[in-house]
Amino acid sequence: MAAPKGNQNAKKGKLIEDLLRKVCVQEDNKRISQALSAILDKAAEGDLRCLEFVRDTFDGKPAQSVALSGDEDNPIAVTEIVRKIVK
């Protein structure tokens, strides 16, 4: 018996996405409008998750920065790797 080909997990997510999209656009987008109004109301009340959602929707998620530094006694070592092809 052969195993199914390919990863089938994406189909599951697509099914939920399709059903959610269908429900949201019913009644001339009334449901999605109600949901977004509720999110904006909670954001106005100071709910951080809702504030983050609104910010991320308009501005995108903020970039995450990473700083590398070492101690004076133990600095970060930088190594150069060179690939040399010889005939």
C-alpha atoms as a PDB file:
ATOM      1  CA  MET A   1       0.000   0.000   0.000  1.00  0.00           C
ATOM      2  CA  ALA A   2       1.542   3.292  -1.102  1.00  0.00           C
ATOM      3  CA  ALA A   3       1.624   6.380   1.070  1.00  0.00           C
ATOM      4  CA  PRO A   4      -0.265   9.465  -0.175  1.00  0.00           C
ATOM      5  CA  LYS A   5       1.906  11.808  -2.200  1.00  0.00           C
ATOM      6  CA  GLY A   6       2.650  15.300  -0.990  1.00  0.00           C
ATOM      7  CA  ASN A   7       1.731  17.188   2.137  1.00  0.00           C
ATOM      8  CA  GLN A   8      -2.048  17.311   2.544  1.00  0.00           C
ATOM      9  CA  ASN A   9      -2.065  19.678   5.562  1.00  0.00           C
ATOM     10  CA  ALA A  10      -2.552  22.797   3.415  1.00  0.00           C
ATOM     11  CA  LYS A  11      -5.936  21.480   2.213  1.00  0.00           C
ATOM     12  CA  LYS A  12      -7.272  21.467   5.790  1.00  0.00           C
ATOM     13  CA  GLY A  13      -6.379  25.119   6.330  1.00  0.00           C
ATOM     14  CA  LYS A  14      -7.837  26.049   2.967  1.00  0.00           C
ATOM     15  CA  LEU A  15     -11.164  24.438   3.860  1.00  0.00           C
ATOM     16  CA  ILE A  16     -11.463  26.514   7.033  1.00  0.00           C
ATOM     17  CA  GLU A  17     -10.346  29.653   5.198  1.00  0.00           C
ATOM     18  CA  ASP A  18     -12.934  29.110   2.465  1.00  0.00           C
ATOM     19  CA  LEU A  19     -15.761  28.533   4.959  1.00  0.00           C
ATOM     20  CA  LEU A  20     -14.745  31.550   7.039  1.00  0.00           C
ATOM     21  CA  ARG A  21     -14.593  33.754   3.944  1.00  0.00           C
ATOM     22  CA  LYS A  22     -18.053  32.523   2.894  1.00  0.00           C
ATOM     23  CA  VAL A  23     -19.584  33.307   6.311  1.00  0.00           C
ATOM     24  CA  CYS A  24     -17.905  36.724   6.499  1.00  0.00           C
ATOM     25  CA  VAL A  25     -19.298  37.954   3.181  1.00  0.00           C
ATOM     26  CA  GLN A  26     -22.874  36.844   3.835  1.00  0.00           C
ATOM     27  CA  GLU A  27     -25.524  39.531   4.215  1.00  0.00           C
ATOM     28  CA  ASP A  28     -23.457  42.158   2.420  1.00  0.00           C
ATOM     29  CA  ASN A  29     -20.404  41.786   4.734  1.00  0.00           C
ATOM     30  CA  LYS A  30     -22.526  42.413   7.850  1.00  0.00           C
ATOM     31  CA  ARG A  31     -20.751  39.758   9.980  1.00  0.00           C
ATOM     32  CA  ILE A  32     -17.225  40.915   9.213  1.00  0.00           C
ATOM     33  CA  SER A  33     -18.273  44.518   9.792  1.00  0.00           C
ATOM     34  CA  GLN A  34     -19.684  43.595  13.221  1.00  0.00           C
ATOM     35  CA  ALA A  35     -16.513  41.696  14.123  1.00  0.00           C
ATOM     36  CA  LEU A  36     -14.241  44.560  13.116  1.00  0.00           C
ATOM     37  CA  SER A  37     -16.401  47.049  15.013  1.00  0.00           C
ATOM     38  CA  ALA A  38     -16.064  44.904  18.132  1.00  0.00           C
ATOM     39  CA  ILE A  39     -12.275  44.788  17.699  1.00  0.00           C
ATOM     40  CA  LEU A  40     -12.099  48.563  17.310  1.00  0.00           C
ATOM     41  CA  ASP A  41     -14.307  49.055  20.388  1.00  0.00           C
ATOM     42  CA  LYS A  42     -12.013  46.843  22.465  1.00  0.00           C
ATOM     43  CA  ALA A  43      -8.938  48.625  21.094  1.00  0.00           C
ATOM     44  CA  ALA A  44     -10.483  51.953  22.141  1.00  0.00           C
ATOM     45  CA  GLU A  45     -10.938  50.501  25.649  1.00  0.00           C
ATOM     46  CA  GLY A  46      -7.221  49.662  25.770  1.00  0.00           C
ATOM     47  CA  ASP A  47      -7.217  45.936  24.967  1.00  0.00           C
ATOM     48  CA  LEU A  48      -3.583  45.380  23.915  1.00  0.00           C
ATOM     49  CA  ARG A  49      -4.287  42.391  21.647  1.00  0.00           C
ATOM     50  CA  CYS A  50      -6.850  44.417  19.701  1.00  0.00           C
ATOM     51  CA  LEU A  51      -4.528  47.422  19.549  1.00  0.00           C
ATOM     52  CA  GLU A  52      -1.763  45.179  18.184  1.00  0.00           C
ATOM     53  CA  PHE A  53      -4.142  43.697  15.623  1.00  0.00           C
ATOM     54  CA  VAL A  54      -5.143  47.151  14.368  1.00  0.00           C
ATOM     55  CA  ARG A  55      -1.519  48.339  14.285  1.00  0.00           C
ATOM     56  CA  ASP A  56      -0.306  45.215  12.486  1.00  0.00           C
ATOM     57  CA  THR A  57      -3.158  45.449   9.968  1.00  0.00           C
ATOM     58  CA  PHE A  58      -2.357  49.037   9.012  1.00  0.00           C
ATOM     59  CA  ASP A  59       1.410  49.252   9.537  1.00  0.00           C
ATOM     60  CA  GLY A  60       2.538  45.641   9.432  1.00  0.00           C
ATOM     61  CA  LYS A  61       4.311  43.882  12.252  1.00  0.00           C
ATOM     62  CA  PRO A  62       7.318  45.772  13.628  1.00  0.00           C
ATOM     63  CA  ALA A  63      10.728  44.456  12.631  1.00  0.00           C
ATOM     64  CA  GLN A  64      12.494  42.482  15.310  1.00  0.00           C
ATOM     65  CA  SER A  65      16.076  43.507  15.933  1.00  0.00           C
ATOM     66  CA  VAL A  66      18.868  41.334  17.260  1.00  0.00           C
ATOM     67  CA  ALA A  67      22.014  42.831  18.778  1.00  0.00           C
ATOM     68  CA  LEU A  68      25.154  40.749  19.099  1.00  0.00           C
ATOM     69  CA  SER A  69      27.781  41.834  21.561  1.00  0.00           C
ATOM     70  CA  GLY A  70      30.433  40.215  23.640  1.00  0.00           C
ATOM     71  CA  ASP A  71      32.091  40.949  26.944  1.00  0.00           C
ATOM     72  CA  GLU A  72      35.408  42.781  27.226  1.00  0.00           C
ATOM     73  CA  ASP A  73      36.949  39.590  28.587  1.00  0.00           C
ATOM     74  CA  ASN A  74      35.199  37.332  26.074  1.00  0.00           C
ATOM     75  CA  PRO A  75      34.581  39.127  22.742  1.00  0.00           C
ATOM     76  CA  ILE A  76      32.608  37.520  19.941  1.00  0.00           C
ATOM     77  CA  ALA A  77      34.905  35.659  17.580  1.00  0.00           C
ATOM     78  CA  VAL A  78      34.329  36.188  13.877  1.00  0.00           C
ATOM     79  CA  THR A  79      35.530  33.427  11.591  1.00  0.00           C
ATOM     80  CA  GLU A  80      35.806  33.681   7.848  1.00  0.00           C
ATOM     81  CA  ILE A  81      35.069  30.569   5.845  1.00  0.00           C
ATOM     82  CA  VAL A  82      36.536  30.562   2.364  1.00  0.00           C
ATOM     83  CA  ARG A  83      35.640  28.029  -0.273  1.00  0.00           C
ATOM     84  CA  LYS A  84      38.427  27.648  -2.805  1.00  0.00           C
ATOM     85  CA  ILE A  85      38.000  25.564  -5.933  1.00  0.00           C
ATOM     86  CA  VAL A  86      41.220  24.171  -7.329  1.00  0.00           C
ATOM     87  CA  LYS A  87      41.606  22.370 -10.650  1.00  0.00           C
END
